[in-house]
Amino acid sequence: MKKRTKIALIILSALIVLYMLPFVAYLLVNNNNKQFMYEQIVYKELCDSITKDTKTDSAKIMQVYEYVSNNCRQPQGNENPKYNTTYDVLTNKVASCDQQVWLMNTMLGTIDISAEMVFLYGYDSISHHTVSIVGMLRYDTQGYKAMLDPFYHLYLLNNDGKIAIMSEITEGNIRIPDNPLPPNYLDLYKPDYPYKRHSHNNAMSTERRYVMNMLRLYTLWLGKVFTEPFKAMHN
């Protein structure tokens, strides 16, 4: 009996140590990494909630896209929001085009979906708008990169009625929507001044990627038993 008790205590102690590891790591890192850890948990919970009724990556992408488009509004008048983190964008809900793409791509990254921020130059050498190129699946299940624009809450369709990829848009192989587009919108995709891929949501250090994956596992295994105390400690 004593031997069994000792084994049980060892197992219990090991489980407690394992549970406490993320909390200890959080206390040891700097403020930027604290914020990163906190955001990973918030976004993973949020994305899981948004996509709980979906089964495919394409459906998950569209749910996150709709969430950002519907919950962030464009700045009005003299509003010029400047944020240090994507969490600032999420909580303030007033965001420019690049900030909305930044938030959407970050959220997609927490559920392992590839996305890039893209600057559109269109008719001169200055970026006039920002959109996202997102890794999706066409209806024939072939992988491709679709353009999504959360700021204007729109995407374009190709001649087959599927969400267009960037090359189809720049080549003009798209259906012109019935609803009016923002002024000069299609001019932004003209190849005279090619669009620029600015950043990828997978572009992070090996250490941060490891932390992100570990936090996902803890969130998956323990749910609110882990996430609620962690968020409370951050707040």
Protein backbone atom coordinates (compact mmCIF):
# COMPACT_ATOMS: atom_id res chain seq x y z
CA MET A 1 0.00 0.00 0.00
CA LYS A 2 2.83 2.39 0.85
CA LYS A 3 4.46 1.64 -2.49
CA ARG A 4 1.23 2.40 -4.35
CA THR A 5 0.80 5.61 -2.38
CA LYS A 6 4.35 6.64 -3.22
CA ILE A 7 3.80 5.97 -6.93
CA ALA A 8 0.52 7.89 -6.85
CA LEU A 9 2.23 10.85 -5.16
CA ILE A 10 5.04 10.82 -7.74
CA ILE A 11 2.51 10.80 -10.59
CA LEU A 12 0.48 13.55 -8.95
CA SER A 13 3.58 15.66 -8.39
CA ALA A 14 4.65 15.18 -12.00
CA LEU A 15 1.22 16.27 -13.22
CA ILE A 16 1.30 19.37 -11.02
CA VAL A 17 4.77 20.30 -12.28
CA LEU A 18 3.64 19.75 -15.88
CA TYR A 19 0.55 21.89 -15.34
CA MET A 20 2.59 24.70 -13.77
CA LEU A 21 5.26 24.86 -16.50
CA PRO A 22 3.51 27.46 -18.71
CA PHE A 23 2.79 29.65 -15.68
CA VAL A 24 6.43 29.53 -14.58
CA ALA A 25 7.59 30.26 -18.14
CA TYR A 26 5.22 33.23 -18.29
CA LEU A 27 6.72 34.71 -15.11
CA LEU A 28 10.25 34.41 -16.50
CA VAL A 29 9.83 36.02 -19.93
CA ASN A 30 9.75 39.71 -20.88
CA ASN A 31 6.58 41.74 -21.44
CA ASN A 32 6.53 41.22 -25.21
CA ASN A 33 6.61 37.46 -24.81
CA LYS A 34 4.03 37.61 -22.02
CA GLN A 35 1.69 39.38 -24.43
CA PHE A 36 2.46 36.84 -27.16
CA MET A 37 1.60 33.92 -24.85
CA TYR A 38 -1.61 35.58 -23.71
CA GLU A 39 -2.70 36.34 -27.28
CA GLN A 40 -2.13 32.75 -28.38
CA ILE A 41 -4.56 31.50 -25.76
CA VAL A 42 -7.16 34.20 -26.41
CA TYR A 43 -7.10 33.68 -30.17
CA LYS A 44 -7.13 29.89 -29.95
CA GLU A 45 -10.21 30.01 -27.72
CA LEU A 46 -11.86 32.62 -29.92
CA CYS A 47 -11.16 30.76 -33.17
CA ASP A 48 -12.34 27.47 -31.68
CA SER A 49 -15.59 29.17 -30.68
CA ILE A 50 -16.05 30.84 -34.07
CA THR A 51 -15.33 27.66 -36.04
CA LYS A 52 -16.91 25.07 -33.76
CA ASP A 53 -19.56 24.13 -36.32
CA THR A 54 -17.16 23.91 -39.29
CA LYS A 55 -15.19 20.93 -40.56
CA THR A 56 -12.90 22.20 -43.32
CA ASP A 57 -10.08 24.75 -43.30
CA SER A 58 -11.88 26.73 -46.01
CA ALA A 59 -14.96 27.08 -43.80
CA LYS A 60 -12.82 28.05 -40.82
CA ILE A 61 -11.07 30.73 -42.86
CA MET A 62 -14.37 32.23 -43.92
CA GLN A 63 -15.67 32.24 -40.34
CA VAL A 64 -12.59 34.10 -39.08
CA TYR A 65 -12.73 36.47 -42.06
CA GLU A 66 -16.40 37.26 -41.35
CA TYR A 67 -15.66 37.74 -37.64
CA VAL A 68 -12.94 40.33 -38.27
CA SER A 69 -14.93 42.11 -40.99
CA ASN A 70 -18.06 42.30 -38.85
CA ASN A 71 -16.35 43.26 -35.59
CA CYS A 72 -13.84 45.87 -36.79
CA ARG A 73 -15.05 49.12 -38.28
CA GLN A 74 -13.18 51.58 -40.45
CA PRO A 75 -11.73 54.71 -38.81
CA GLN A 76 -13.93 57.76 -39.19
CA GLY A 77 -12.96 61.43 -39.46
CA ASN A 78 -9.76 62.16 -37.56
CA GLU A 79 -9.49 58.68 -36.06
CA ASN A 80 -6.02 57.29 -36.65
CA PRO A 81 -5.64 54.22 -34.44
CA LYS A 82 -2.12 53.05 -33.69
CA TYR A 83 -1.78 49.71 -31.94
CA ASN A 84 1.15 47.81 -30.48
CA THR A 85 -0.44 44.37 -30.70
CA THR A 86 -3.21 42.59 -32.57
CA TYR A 87 -4.99 42.27 -29.24
CA ASP A 88 -5.29 46.07 -29.22
CA VAL A 89 -7.03 45.82 -32.60
CA LEU A 90 -9.38 43.14 -31.28
CA THR A 91 -10.36 45.07 -28.16
CA ASN A 92 -10.67 48.55 -29.74
CA LYS A 93 -12.42 47.34 -32.92
CA VAL A 94 -11.48 50.43 -34.94
CA ALA A 95 -8.88 49.41 -37.49
CA SER A 96 -7.33 50.38 -40.80
CA CYS A 97 -6.95 47.87 -43.62
CA ASP A 98 -3.49 46.65 -42.59
CA GLN A 99 -4.58 46.34 -38.95
CA GLN A 100 -7.59 44.22 -39.86
CA VAL A 101 -5.45 41.95 -42.03
CA TRP A 102 -2.87 41.76 -39.23
CA LEU A 103 -5.53 40.62 -36.79
CA MET A 104 -7.16 38.14 -39.17
CA ASN A 105 -3.86 36.56 -40.20
CA THR A 106 -2.73 36.26 -36.58
CA MET A 107 -5.97 34.54 -35.62
CA LEU A 108 -5.66 32.15 -38.56
CA GLY A 109 -2.10 31.32 -37.52
CA THR A 110 -3.32 30.00 -34.17
CA ILE A 111 -5.35 27.34 -36.01
CA ASP A 112 -2.52 26.42 -38.42
CA ILE A 113 -3.80 28.24 -41.49
CA SER A 114 -1.30 30.04 -43.70
CA ALA A 115 -1.88 33.72 -44.50
CA GLU A 116 0.16 36.62 -45.85
CA MET A 117 -0.26 40.39 -45.55
CA VAL A 118 -0.10 41.98 -49.01
CA PHE A 119 0.36 45.65 -49.93
CA LEU A 120 -1.39 46.81 -53.12
CA TYR A 121 0.43 49.52 -55.07
CA GLY A 122 -1.83 49.58 -58.13
CA TYR A 123 -1.01 52.78 -60.00
CA ASP A 124 2.08 54.21 -58.27
CA SER A 125 4.88 53.26 -55.88
CA ILE A 126 2.88 53.89 -52.69
CA SER A 127 0.80 51.21 -51.01
CA HIS A 128 -2.86 52.24 -51.16
CA HIS A 129 -4.50 49.24 -49.55
CA THR A 130 -3.76 45.99 -47.72
CA VAL A 131 -5.36 42.58 -48.25
CA SER A 132 -4.65 39.01 -47.23
CA ILE A 133 -3.60 36.02 -49.33
CA VAL A 134 -4.91 32.99 -47.47
CA GLY A 135 -4.19 29.31 -48.00
CA MET A 136 -7.54 27.73 -48.80
CA LEU A 137 -9.02 24.80 -50.67
CA ARG A 138 -11.02 25.17 -53.82
CA TYR A 139 -14.17 23.15 -54.09
CA ASP A 140 -12.21 20.57 -56.10
CA THR A 141 -9.90 20.25 -53.02
CA GLN A 142 -6.82 21.60 -54.84
CA GLY A 143 -4.81 23.93 -52.63
CA TYR A 144 -4.50 27.58 -53.66
CA LYS A 145 -4.07 31.11 -52.31
CA ALA A 146 -7.23 33.22 -52.20
CA MET A 147 -7.52 36.98 -51.76
CA LEU A 148 -9.66 38.16 -48.85
CA ASP A 149 -10.24 41.80 -47.96
CA PRO A 150 -11.65 42.16 -44.42
CA PHE A 151 -11.51 45.97 -44.50
CA TYR A 152 -13.99 46.28 -47.38
CA HIS A 153 -15.61 42.95 -46.44
CA LEU A 154 -15.21 41.53 -49.92
CA TYR A 155 -13.54 38.96 -52.08
CA LEU A 156 -13.69 38.49 -55.85
CA LEU A 157 -14.87 35.49 -57.84
CA ASN A 158 -13.16 34.03 -60.89
CA ASN A 159 -14.99 33.12 -64.07
CA ASP A 160 -15.89 29.73 -62.60
CA GLY A 161 -17.60 31.35 -59.63
CA LYS A 162 -14.88 30.41 -57.13
CA ILE A 163 -12.95 32.78 -54.86
CA ALA A 164 -10.25 34.27 -57.03
CA ILE A 165 -6.53 33.92 -56.49
CA MET A 166 -4.27 36.94 -56.91
CA SER A 167 -3.06 36.03 -60.42
CA GLU A 168 -6.65 35.78 -61.64
CA ILE A 169 -7.40 39.23 -60.25
CA THR A 170 -4.28 40.88 -61.70
CA GLU A 171 -4.98 39.27 -65.10
CA GLY A 172 -8.61 40.37 -65.02
CA ASN A 173 -10.03 36.84 -65.04
CA ILE A 174 -12.81 37.68 -62.60
CA ARG A 175 -16.50 38.33 -62.51
CA ILE A 176 -17.38 41.96 -61.95
CA PRO A 177 -19.60 42.04 -58.84
CA ASP A 178 -23.16 43.30 -59.05
CA ASN A 179 -22.59 45.45 -55.97
CA PRO A 180 -20.37 48.50 -56.62
CA LEU A 181 -16.74 48.18 -55.60
CA PRO A 182 -14.85 50.94 -53.74
CA PRO A 183 -13.65 53.65 -56.17
CA ASN A 184 -10.71 52.52 -58.35
CA TYR A 185 -10.56 49.23 -56.43
CA LEU A 186 -9.57 47.00 -59.35
CA ASP A 187 -6.85 49.49 -60.35
CA LEU A 188 -5.02 48.48 -57.18
CA TYR A 189 -4.42 45.01 -58.65
CA LYS A 190 -2.99 46.16 -61.97
CA PRO A 191 0.46 44.64 -62.61
CA ASP A 192 2.12 47.98 -63.49
CA TYR A 193 3.18 48.26 -59.83
CA PRO A 194 3.05 44.67 -58.55
CA TYR A 195 1.67 43.93 -55.12
CA LYS A 196 4.17 43.25 -52.35
CA ARG A 197 4.04 40.37 -49.89
CA HIS A 198 4.80 42.09 -46.61
CA SER A 199 4.67 39.40 -43.90
CA HIS A 200 3.60 35.82 -43.30
CA ASN A 201 1.78 34.63 -40.19
CA ASN A 202 4.26 31.75 -39.88
CA ALA A 203 7.23 34.11 -39.74
CA MET A 204 8.33 33.75 -36.13
CA SER A 205 11.33 32.45 -34.23
CA THR A 206 11.73 28.77 -33.45
CA GLU A 207 11.31 29.53 -29.75
CA ARG A 208 8.01 31.34 -30.29
CA ARG A 209 6.73 28.59 -32.55
CA TYR A 210 7.54 26.04 -29.84
CA VAL A 211 5.75 28.13 -27.21
CA MET A 212 2.74 28.59 -29.50
CA ASN A 213 2.44 24.84 -30.13
CA MET A 214 2.80 24.00 -26.45
CA LEU A 215 0.10 26.47 -25.46
CA ARG A 216 -2.19 24.99 -28.10
CA LEU A 217 -1.70 21.55 -26.62
CA TYR A 218 -2.41 22.77 -23.09
CA THR A 219 -5.53 24.55 -24.32
CA LEU A 220 -6.66 21.44 -26.19
CA TRP A 221 -6.01 19.03 -23.31
CA LEU A 222 -7.16 21.09 -20.35
CA GLY A 223 -9.49 23.74 -21.76
CA LYS A 224 -10.68 26.33 -19.25
CA VAL A 225 -8.89 24.55 -16.39
CA PHE A 226 -5.73 25.95 -17.97
CA THR A 227 -6.84 28.98 -19.96
CA GLU A 228 -8.89 30.78 -17.33
CA PRO A 229 -6.14 30.84 -14.63
CA PHE A 230 -3.59 31.83 -17.29
CA LYS A 231 -5.68 34.75 -18.55
CA ALA A 232 -6.43 35.81 -14.97
CA MET A 233 -2.72 35.93 -14.21
CA HIS A 234 -2.12 38.14 -17.26
CA ASN A 235 -4.94 40.50 -16.36
